[in-house]
Amino acid sequence: MAISDFSSNLSETREPSDMSVSRRALMMGGLSALCLSLAGCYTVGLPDQPPLPDETFDYELAYAARTDGDFELPAINYKSFDRRFWRQVVDYKSSERPGTVIVDPYNAFLYWTLTPTKALRYGVGVGKAGFAWAGDAQIRVKREWPIWRPPLEMIERKPALKKYWEKGFEPGLKNPLGARAMDLWQGSRDTLYRIHGTNDPTSIGKNVSSGCIRMWHQDVIDLFSRVPLRTKVVVLGKQEEAS
């Protein structure tokens, strides 16, 4: 994964007064709050992305059955899950630049930061690979309906999977990566860590046997439509897990 390198361009080099800092912070906070209160208003991510969830958000429509490419996605029975795992904007303080993805595998959440105090949160399912490492990365590859090849370690445990290493598991609803995959890299190295869809929607909010970070098809498609390539991703370690 490549570590994100953002340059900081300062319009002024002089030290601002406390009054100007306070006024600026107040104005920015007010603008952020106003922006987040308006459906479709956003300041980070790709253009033409869908509106942010608000108090009028239609979850029935968001998690309904839909056609995506050549495949028919089934509806998500979202009401059978704790509401905290539904896609939603939440209070979330972070020192990361807005537009950063923060994965908290220990609480089964993925955050896409909108401002220093707000984030779009999704519920996720976490496999053993999801606890394998922590640190910073970049989304270097984005794939729609990807082919899946099992890691060699998995093939050692289940030799029958070798055929999928050679030919790949064809795209579709049974594919372990689901509708979308975002591959995380550090520098020139593929970490083999993925944010991806799942063919088992009941795994959201749980620790599952394999895989990295799983999302409902409808949620991973939503995230995919928001984050550009080279988006910074921070995977929290146990000592950093969000409260």
C-alpha atoms as a PDB file:
ATOM      1  CA  MET A   1       0.000   0.000   0.000  1.00  0.00           C
ATOM      2  CA  ALA A   2       1.239   3.418  -0.760  1.00  0.00           C
ATOM      3  CA  ILE A   3       1.270   5.880   2.069  1.00  0.00           C
ATOM      4  CA  SER A   4      -0.680   8.981   1.169  1.00  0.00           C
ATOM      5  CA  ASP A   5       1.381  12.097   0.706  1.00  0.00           C
ATOM      6  CA  PHE A   6      -0.580  15.278   0.944  1.00  0.00           C
ATOM      7  CA  SER A   7       1.146  18.621   0.535  1.00  0.00           C
ATOM      8  CA  SER A   8       0.178  21.522   2.746  1.00  0.00           C
ATOM      9  CA  ASN A   9      -0.097  24.853   0.970  1.00  0.00           C
ATOM     10  CA  LEU A  10      -0.380  27.799   3.317  1.00  0.00           C
ATOM     11  CA  SER A  11      -1.771  31.054   1.984  1.00  0.00           C
ATOM     12  CA  GLU A  12      -0.211  33.033   4.822  1.00  0.00           C
ATOM     13  CA  THR A  13       3.033  32.540   6.690  1.00  0.00           C
ATOM     14  CA  ARG A  14       2.344  34.935   9.534  1.00  0.00           C
ATOM     15  CA  GLU A  15       0.935  33.639  12.811  1.00  0.00           C
ATOM     16  CA  PRO A  16      -2.802  34.501  12.994  1.00  0.00           C
ATOM     17  CA  SER A  17      -4.231  36.047  16.122  1.00  0.00           C
ATOM     18  CA  ASP A  18      -6.337  34.018  18.551  1.00  0.00           C
ATOM     19  CA  MET A  19      -9.381  36.046  17.514  1.00  0.00           C
ATOM     20  CA  SER A  20      -8.922  35.286  13.811  1.00  0.00           C
ATOM     21  CA  VAL A  21      -8.387  31.587  14.584  1.00  0.00           C
ATOM     22  CA  SER A  22     -11.561  31.448  16.657  1.00  0.00           C
ATOM     23  CA  ARG A  23     -13.570  33.294  13.993  1.00  0.00           C
ATOM     24  CA  ARG A  24     -12.239  31.025  11.260  1.00  0.00           C
ATOM     25  CA  ALA A  25     -12.956  27.860  13.261  1.00  0.00           C
ATOM     26  CA  LEU A  26     -16.483  29.066  13.996  1.00  0.00           C
ATOM     27  CA  MET A  27     -17.142  29.833  10.329  1.00  0.00           C
ATOM     28  CA  MET A  28     -15.743  26.501   9.142  1.00  0.00           C
ATOM     29  CA  GLY A  29     -17.692  24.595  11.772  1.00  0.00           C
ATOM     30  CA  GLY A  30     -20.889  26.367  10.756  1.00  0.00           C
ATOM     31  CA  LEU A  31     -20.308  25.696   7.076  1.00  0.00           C
ATOM     32  CA  SER A  32     -19.565  22.038   7.764  1.00  0.00           C
ATOM     33  CA  ALA A  33     -22.712  21.657   9.829  1.00  0.00           C
ATOM     34  CA  LEU A  34     -24.783  23.405   7.149  1.00  0.00           C
ATOM     35  CA  CYS A  35     -23.278  21.248   4.417  1.00  0.00           C
ATOM     36  CA  LEU A  36     -23.902  18.023   6.275  1.00  0.00           C
ATOM     37  CA  SER A  37     -27.502  19.033   6.956  1.00  0.00           C
ATOM     38  CA  LEU A  38     -28.240  19.235   3.232  1.00  0.00           C
ATOM     39  CA  ALA A  39     -28.806  16.015   1.296  1.00  0.00           C
ATOM     40  CA  GLY A  40     -26.358  15.786  -1.565  1.00  0.00           C
ATOM     41  CA  CYS A  41     -23.965  18.354  -0.103  1.00  0.00           C
ATOM     42  CA  TYR A  42     -20.410  17.168   0.415  1.00  0.00           C
ATOM     43  CA  THR A  43     -16.898  18.549   0.263  1.00  0.00           C
ATOM     44  CA  VAL A  44     -14.765  15.418  -0.145  1.00  0.00           C
ATOM     45  CA  GLY A  45     -14.613  12.486  -2.512  1.00  0.00           C
ATOM     46  CA  LEU A  46     -15.628  11.882  -6.093  1.00  0.00           C
ATOM     47  CA  PRO A  47     -18.045  14.113  -8.034  1.00  0.00           C
ATOM     48  CA  ASP A  48     -21.612  12.956  -8.659  1.00  0.00           C
ATOM     49  CA  GLN A  49     -21.643  10.751  -5.587  1.00  0.00           C
ATOM     50  CA  PRO A  50     -24.999   9.947  -3.935  1.00  0.00           C
ATOM     51  CA  PRO A  51     -26.459  12.160  -1.192  1.00  0.00           C
ATOM     52  CA  LEU A  52     -25.254  11.617   2.332  1.00  0.00           C
ATOM     53  CA  PRO A  53     -27.706   9.876   4.680  1.00  0.00           C
ATOM     54  CA  ASP A  54     -29.702  12.344   6.774  1.00  0.00           C
ATOM     55  CA  GLU A  55     -32.833  12.274   8.927  1.00  0.00           C
ATOM     56  CA  THR A  56     -35.001  11.743   5.827  1.00  0.00           C
ATOM     57  CA  PHE A  57     -32.822   9.006   4.324  1.00  0.00           C
ATOM     58  CA  ASP A  58     -34.769   6.160   2.717  1.00  0.00           C
ATOM     59  CA  TYR A  59     -33.130   2.983   4.035  1.00  0.00           C
ATOM     60  CA  GLU A  60     -35.752   0.816   2.376  1.00  0.00           C
ATOM     61  CA  LEU A  61     -34.586   2.127  -0.992  1.00  0.00           C
ATOM     62  CA  ALA A  62     -30.885   2.136  -0.078  1.00  0.00           C
ATOM     63  CA  TYR A  63     -30.927  -1.555   0.840  1.00  0.00           C
ATOM     64  CA  ALA A  64     -33.501  -2.687  -1.735  1.00  0.00           C
ATOM     65  CA  ALA A  65     -32.845  -5.263  -4.439  1.00  0.00           C
ATOM     66  CA  ARG A  66     -31.213  -3.709  -7.481  1.00  0.00           C
ATOM     67  CA  THR A  67     -29.553  -4.469 -10.780  1.00  0.00           C
ATOM     68  CA  ASP A  68     -25.821  -3.818 -10.933  1.00  0.00           C
ATOM     69  CA  GLY A  69     -24.133  -4.606 -14.214  1.00  0.00           C
ATOM     70  CA  ASP A  70     -25.026  -8.166 -15.180  1.00  0.00           C
ATOM     71  CA  PHE A  71     -26.148  -9.148 -11.697  1.00  0.00           C
ATOM     72  CA  GLU A  72     -29.279  -8.829  -9.575  1.00  0.00           C
ATOM     73  CA  LEU A  73     -28.433  -7.880  -6.007  1.00  0.00           C
ATOM     74  CA  PRO A  74     -30.866  -9.175  -3.380  1.00  0.00           C
ATOM     75  CA  ALA A  75     -32.333  -6.810  -0.821  1.00  0.00           C
ATOM     76  CA  ILE A  76     -30.614  -6.529   2.556  1.00  0.00           C
ATOM     77  CA  ASN A  77     -32.765  -7.408   5.556  1.00  0.00           C
ATOM     78  CA  TYR A  78     -31.249  -4.433   7.349  1.00  0.00           C
ATOM     79  CA  LYS A  79     -33.973  -4.209  10.015  1.00  0.00           C
ATOM     80  CA  SER A  80     -32.765  -7.504  11.479  1.00  0.00           C
ATOM     81  CA  PHE A  81     -29.418  -5.842  12.331  1.00  0.00           C
ATOM     82  CA  ASP A  82     -28.568  -3.365  15.057  1.00  0.00           C
ATOM     83  CA  ARG A  83     -29.204   0.115  13.668  1.00  0.00           C
ATOM     84  CA  ARG A  84     -25.614   1.115  14.412  1.00  0.00           C
ATOM     85  CA  PHE A  85     -24.506  -1.048  11.473  1.00  0.00           C
ATOM     86  CA  TRP A  86     -26.696   0.855   9.011  1.00  0.00           C
ATOM     87  CA  ARG A  87     -25.013   3.411   6.746  1.00  0.00           C
ATOM     88  CA  GLN A  88     -25.179   6.777   8.557  1.00  0.00           C
ATOM     89  CA  VAL A  89     -23.395  10.040   9.289  1.00  0.00           C
ATOM     90  CA  VAL A  90     -22.095  10.106  12.870  1.00  0.00           C
ATOM     91  CA  ASP A  91     -20.067  12.288  15.208  1.00  0.00           C
ATOM     92  CA  TYR A  92     -16.476  11.128  14.896  1.00  0.00           C
ATOM     93  CA  LYS A  93     -13.431  13.117  15.925  1.00  0.00           C
ATOM     94  CA  SER A  94     -10.312  12.506  13.881  1.00  0.00           C
ATOM     95  CA  SER A  95      -7.054  14.291  13.198  1.00  0.00           C
ATOM     96  CA  GLU A  96      -6.958  12.692   9.737  1.00  0.00           C
ATOM     97  CA  ARG A  97      -7.642  14.782   6.661  1.00  0.00           C
ATOM     98  CA  PRO A  98     -11.301  14.685   5.513  1.00  0.00           C
ATOM     99  CA  GLY A  99     -11.730  12.006   2.879  1.00  0.00           C
ATOM    100  CA  THR A 100      -9.684   9.433   4.809  1.00  0.00           C
ATOM    101  CA  VAL A 101     -11.058   5.923   5.356  1.00  0.00           C
ATOM    102  CA  ILE A 102     -10.581   4.647   8.909  1.00  0.00           C
ATOM    103  CA  VAL A 103     -11.208   0.971   9.617  1.00  0.00           C
ATOM    104  CA  ASP A 104     -11.946  -0.081  13.192  1.00  0.00           C
ATOM    105  CA  PRO A 105     -11.961  -3.892  12.952  1.00  0.00           C
ATOM    106  CA  TYR A 106     -12.488  -4.304  16.695  1.00  0.00           C
ATOM    107  CA  ASN A 107     -15.851  -2.551  16.668  1.00  0.00           C
ATOM    108  CA  ALA A 108     -16.835  -3.639  13.132  1.00  0.00           C
ATOM    109  CA  PHE A 109     -17.014  -0.121  11.691  1.00  0.00           C
ATOM    110  CA  LEU A 110     -15.579   1.644   8.671  1.00  0.00           C
ATOM    111  CA  TYR A 111     -15.529   5.455   8.755  1.00  0.00           C
ATOM    112  CA  TRP A 112     -15.139   7.800   5.800  1.00  0.00           C
ATOM    113  CA  THR A 113     -14.221  11.139   7.334  1.00  0.00           C
ATOM    114  CA  LEU A 114     -16.188  14.177   6.160  1.00  0.00           C
ATOM    115  CA  THR A 115     -14.896  16.841   8.559  1.00  0.00           C
ATOM    116  CA  PRO A 116     -12.688  16.721  11.680  1.00  0.00           C
ATOM    117  CA  THR A 117     -15.832  15.861  13.695  1.00  0.00           C
ATOM    118  CA  LYS A 118     -18.117  13.983  11.284  1.00  0.00           C
ATOM    119  CA  ALA A 119     -17.866  10.726   9.319  1.00  0.00           C
ATOM    120  CA  LEU A 120     -19.979   8.453   7.185  1.00  0.00           C
ATOM    121  CA  ARG A 121     -20.007   5.131   9.016  1.00  0.00           C
ATOM    122  CA  TYR A 122     -20.703   1.652   7.667  1.00  0.00           C
ATOM    123  CA  GLY A 123     -21.006  -1.656   9.472  1.00  0.00           C
ATOM    124  CA  VAL A 124     -18.496  -4.301   8.403  1.00  0.00           C
ATOM    125  CA  GLY A 125     -17.646  -7.929   8.985  1.00  0.00           C
ATOM    126  CA  VAL A 126     -14.059  -8.772   9.872  1.00  0.00           C
ATOM    127  CA  GLY A 127     -12.186 -11.965   9.013  1.00  0.00           C
ATOM    128  CA  LYS A 128      -8.909 -13.137  10.510  1.00  0.00           C
ATOM    129  CA  ALA A 129      -7.010 -11.223   7.843  1.00  0.00           C
ATOM    130  CA  GLY A 130      -8.764  -8.088   9.058  1.00  0.00           C
ATOM    131  CA  PHE A 131      -6.846  -8.315  12.344  1.00  0.00           C
ATOM    132  CA  ALA A 132      -3.539  -9.234  10.704  1.00  0.00           C
ATOM    133  CA  TRP A 133      -2.046  -5.766  10.627  1.00  0.00           C
ATOM    134  CA  ALA A 134      -2.650  -2.115  11.387  1.00  0.00           C
ATOM    135  CA  GLY A 135      -1.273   1.065   9.884  1.00  0.00           C
ATOM    136  CA  ASP A 136      -1.612   3.426   6.930  1.00  0.00           C
ATOM    137  CA  ALA A 137      -2.281   2.457   3.343  1.00  0.00           C
ATOM    138  CA  GLN A 138      -3.742   3.708   0.077  1.00  0.00           C
ATOM    139  CA  ILE A 139      -6.496   2.450  -2.173  1.00  0.00           C
ATOM    140  CA  ARG A 140      -4.447   1.790  -5.297  1.00  0.00           C
ATOM    141  CA  VAL A 141      -6.850  -0.498  -7.191  1.00  0.00           C
ATOM    142  CA  LYS A 142     -10.655  -0.383  -7.426  1.00  0.00           C
ATOM    143  CA  ARG A 143     -12.450  -3.303  -9.056  1.00  0.00           C
ATOM    144  CA  GLU A 144     -16.093  -3.818 -10.025  1.00  0.00           C
ATOM    145  CA  TRP A 145     -17.274  -7.427  -9.774  1.00  0.00           C
ATOM    146  CA  PRO A 146     -13.709  -8.652  -9.276  1.00  0.00           C
ATOM    147  CA  ILE A 147     -12.208 -12.071  -9.846  1.00  0.00           C
ATOM    148  CA  TRP A 148     -11.128 -13.688  -6.560  1.00  0.00           C
ATOM    149  CA  ARG A 149      -7.952 -15.663  -5.998  1.00  0.00           C
ATOM    150  CA  PRO A 150      -7.485 -17.170  -2.525  1.00  0.00           C
ATOM    151  CA  PRO A 151      -4.271 -16.375  -0.630  1.00  0.00           C
ATOM    152  CA  LEU A 152      -1.663 -19.132  -0.663  1.00  0.00           C
ATOM    153  CA  GLU A 153      -2.084 -19.553   3.107  1.00  0.00           C
ATOM    154  CA  MET A 154      -5.752 -20.368   2.570  1.00  0.00           C
ATOM    155  CA  ILE A 155      -4.881 -22.851  -0.157  1.00  0.00           C
ATOM    156  CA  GLU A 156      -2.500 -24.597   2.244  1.00  0.00           C
ATOM    157  CA  ARG A 157      -5.422 -25.083   4.618  1.00  0.00           C
ATOM    158  CA  LYS A 158      -7.868 -25.987   1.856  1.00  0.00           C
ATOM    159  CA  PRO A 159      -6.022 -27.513  -1.155  1.00  0.00           C
ATOM    160  CA  ALA A 160      -9.299 -27.750  -3.095  1.00  0.00           C
ATOM    161  CA  LEU A 161      -9.139 -23.962  -3.535  1.00  0.00           C
ATOM    162  CA  LYS A 162      -6.023 -24.242  -5.709  1.00  0.00           C
ATOM    163  CA  LYS A 163      -8.158 -24.223  -8.839  1.00  0.00           C
ATOM    164  CA  TYR A 164      -9.267 -20.681  -7.981  1.00  0.00           C
ATOM    165  CA  TRP A 165      -5.658 -19.542  -7.719  1.00  0.00           C
ATOM    166  CA  GLU A 166      -4.982 -20.754 -11.243  1.00  0.00           C
ATOM    167  CA  LYS A 167      -8.166 -19.554 -12.938  1.00  0.00           C
ATOM    168  CA  GLY A 168      -9.728 -17.220 -10.428  1.00  0.00           C
ATOM    169  CA  PHE A 169     -13.253 -17.369  -9.038  1.00  0.00           C
ATOM    170  CA  GLU A 170     -15.501 -15.800 -11.637  1.00  0.00           C
ATOM    171  CA  PRO A 171     -17.402 -12.597 -10.781  1.00  0.00           C
ATOM    172  CA  GLY A 172     -20.887 -12.990  -9.379  1.00  0.00           C
ATOM    173  CA  LEU A 173     -23.031 -13.196  -6.274  1.00  0.00           C
ATOM    174  CA  LYS A 174     -21.155 -16.280  -5.020  1.00  0.00           C
ATOM    175  CA  ASN A 175     -17.751 -14.631  -5.375  1.00  0.00           C
ATOM    176  CA  PRO A 176     -16.200 -13.986  -1.921  1.00  0.00           C
ATOM    177  CA  LEU A 177     -15.257 -10.407  -2.912  1.00  0.00           C
ATOM    178  CA  GLY A 178     -18.777  -9.557  -3.964  1.00  0.00           C
ATOM    179  CA  ALA A 179     -19.726  -6.545  -6.050  1.00  0.00           C
ATOM    180  CA  ARG A 180     -16.678  -4.362  -5.422  1.00  0.00           C
ATOM    181  CA  ALA A 181     -13.132  -4.597  -4.077  1.00  0.00           C
ATOM    182  CA  MET A 182     -10.696  -1.877  -3.063  1.00  0.00           C
ATOM    183  CA  ASP A 183      -7.117  -3.136  -2.824  1.00  0.00           C
ATOM    184  CA  LEU A 184      -4.815  -1.553  -0.256  1.00  0.00           C
ATOM    185  CA  TRP A 185      -1.151  -0.965  -0.943  1.00  0.00           C
ATOM    186  CA  GLN A 186       1.849   0.333   0.970  1.00  0.00           C
ATOM    187  CA  GLY A 187       4.305   1.855  -1.475  1.00  0.00           C
ATOM    188  CA  SER A 188       4.852  -0.665  -4.263  1.00  0.00           C
ATOM    189  CA  ARG A 189       3.622  -3.588  -2.150  1.00  0.00           C
ATOM    190  CA  ASP A 190       0.153  -5.062  -2.315  1.00  0.00           C
ATOM    191  CA  THR A 191      -0.763  -5.885   1.267  1.00  0.00           C
ATOM    192  CA  LEU A 192      -3.415  -8.380   0.056  1.00  0.00           C
ATOM    193  CA  TYR A 193      -5.748  -6.478   2.388  1.00  0.00           C
ATOM    194  CA  ARG A 194      -9.108  -5.695   0.801  1.00  0.00           C
ATOM    195  CA  ILE A 195     -12.239  -3.730   1.508  1.00  0.00           C
ATOM    196  CA  HIS A 196     -14.859  -5.707  -0.391  1.00  0.00           C
ATOM    197  CA  GLY A 197     -18.420  -6.918  -0.689  1.00  0.00           C
ATOM    198  CA  THR A 198     -19.672 -10.166   0.758  1.00  0.00           C
ATOM    199  CA  ASN A 199     -21.812 -13.090  -0.347  1.00  0.00           C
ATOM    200  CA  ASP A 200     -22.840 -13.537   3.298  1.00  0.00           C
ATOM    201  CA  PRO A 201     -24.767 -10.443   4.453  1.00  0.00           C
ATOM    202  CA  THR A 202     -25.295 -11.970   7.901  1.00  0.00           C
ATOM    203  CA  SER A 203     -21.536 -11.583   8.579  1.00  0.00           C
ATOM    204  CA  ILE A 204     -21.786  -7.803   9.076  1.00  0.00           C
ATOM    205  CA  GLY A 205     -20.994  -6.869  12.662  1.00  0.00           C
ATOM    206  CA  LYS A 206     -19.274 -10.206  13.277  1.00  0.00           C
ATOM    207  CA  ASN A 207     -15.835 -11.775  13.302  1.00  0.00           C
ATOM    208  CA  VAL A 208     -15.880 -14.317  10.492  1.00  0.00           C
ATOM    209  CA  SER A 209     -13.602 -17.153   9.494  1.00  0.00           C
ATOM    210  CA  SER A 210     -11.844 -15.575   6.528  1.00  0.00           C
ATOM    211  CA  GLY A 211     -11.507 -12.414   4.482  1.00  0.00           C
ATOM    212  CA  CYS A 212     -10.537  -8.848   5.301  1.00  0.00           C
ATOM    213  CA  ILE A 213     -13.173  -6.130   5.637  1.00  0.00           C
ATOM    214  CA  ARG A 214     -16.586  -7.171   4.335  1.00  0.00           C
ATOM    215  CA  MET A 215     -19.462  -4.834   3.538  1.00  0.00           C
ATOM    216  CA  TRP A 216     -23.001  -5.301   2.319  1.00  0.00           C
ATOM    217  CA  HIS A 217     -23.120  -5.083  -1.479  1.00  0.00           C
ATOM    218  CA  GLN A 218     -25.200  -1.903  -1.341  1.00  0.00           C
ATOM    219  CA  ASP A 219     -22.748  -0.314   1.114  1.00  0.00           C
ATOM    220  CA  VAL A 220     -19.543  -1.258  -0.691  1.00  0.00           C
ATOM    221  CA  ILE A 221     -21.026   0.101  -3.930  1.00  0.00           C
ATOM    222  CA  ASP A 222     -21.869   3.321  -2.089  1.00  0.00           C
ATOM    223  CA  LEU A 223     -18.350   3.678  -0.648  1.00  0.00           C
ATOM    224  CA  PHE A 224     -16.829   2.775  -4.021  1.00  0.00           C
ATOM    225  CA  SER A 225     -18.758   5.650  -5.616  1.00  0.00           C
ATOM    226  CA  ARG A 226     -17.340   8.145  -3.100  1.00  0.00           C
ATOM    227  CA  VAL A 227     -13.633   7.421  -2.634  1.00  0.00           C
ATOM    228  CA  PRO A 228     -11.053   8.140  -5.356  1.00  0.00           C
ATOM    229  CA  LEU A 229      -7.909   6.159  -6.012  1.00  0.00           C
ATOM    230  CA  ARG A 230      -5.050   6.967  -3.640  1.00  0.00           C
ATOM    231  CA  THR A 231      -7.468   7.564  -0.788  1.00  0.00           C
ATOM    232  CA  LYS A 232      -5.624   7.167   2.492  1.00  0.00           C
ATOM    233  CA  VAL A 233      -6.783   4.258   4.645  1.00  0.00           C
ATOM    234  CA  VAL A 234      -5.955   3.927   8.324  1.00  0.00           C
ATOM    235  CA  VAL A 235      -6.464   0.529   9.938  1.00  0.00           C
ATOM    236  CA  LEU A 236      -6.652   0.869  13.701  1.00  0.00           C
ATOM    237  CA  GLY A 237      -4.781  -1.451  16.023  1.00  0.00           C
ATOM    238  CA  LYS A 238      -6.280  -2.821  19.221  1.00  0.00           C
ATOM    239  CA  GLN A 239      -4.923   0.046  21.296  1.00  0.00           C
ATOM    240  CA  GLU A 240      -6.387   2.606  18.873  1.00  0.00           C
ATOM    241  CA  GLU A 241      -9.878   1.222  18.482  1.00  0.00           C
ATOM    242  CA  ALA A 242     -12.561   3.888  18.401  1.00  0.00           C
ATOM    243  CA  SER A 243     -14.734   4.482  21.423  1.00  0.00           C
END
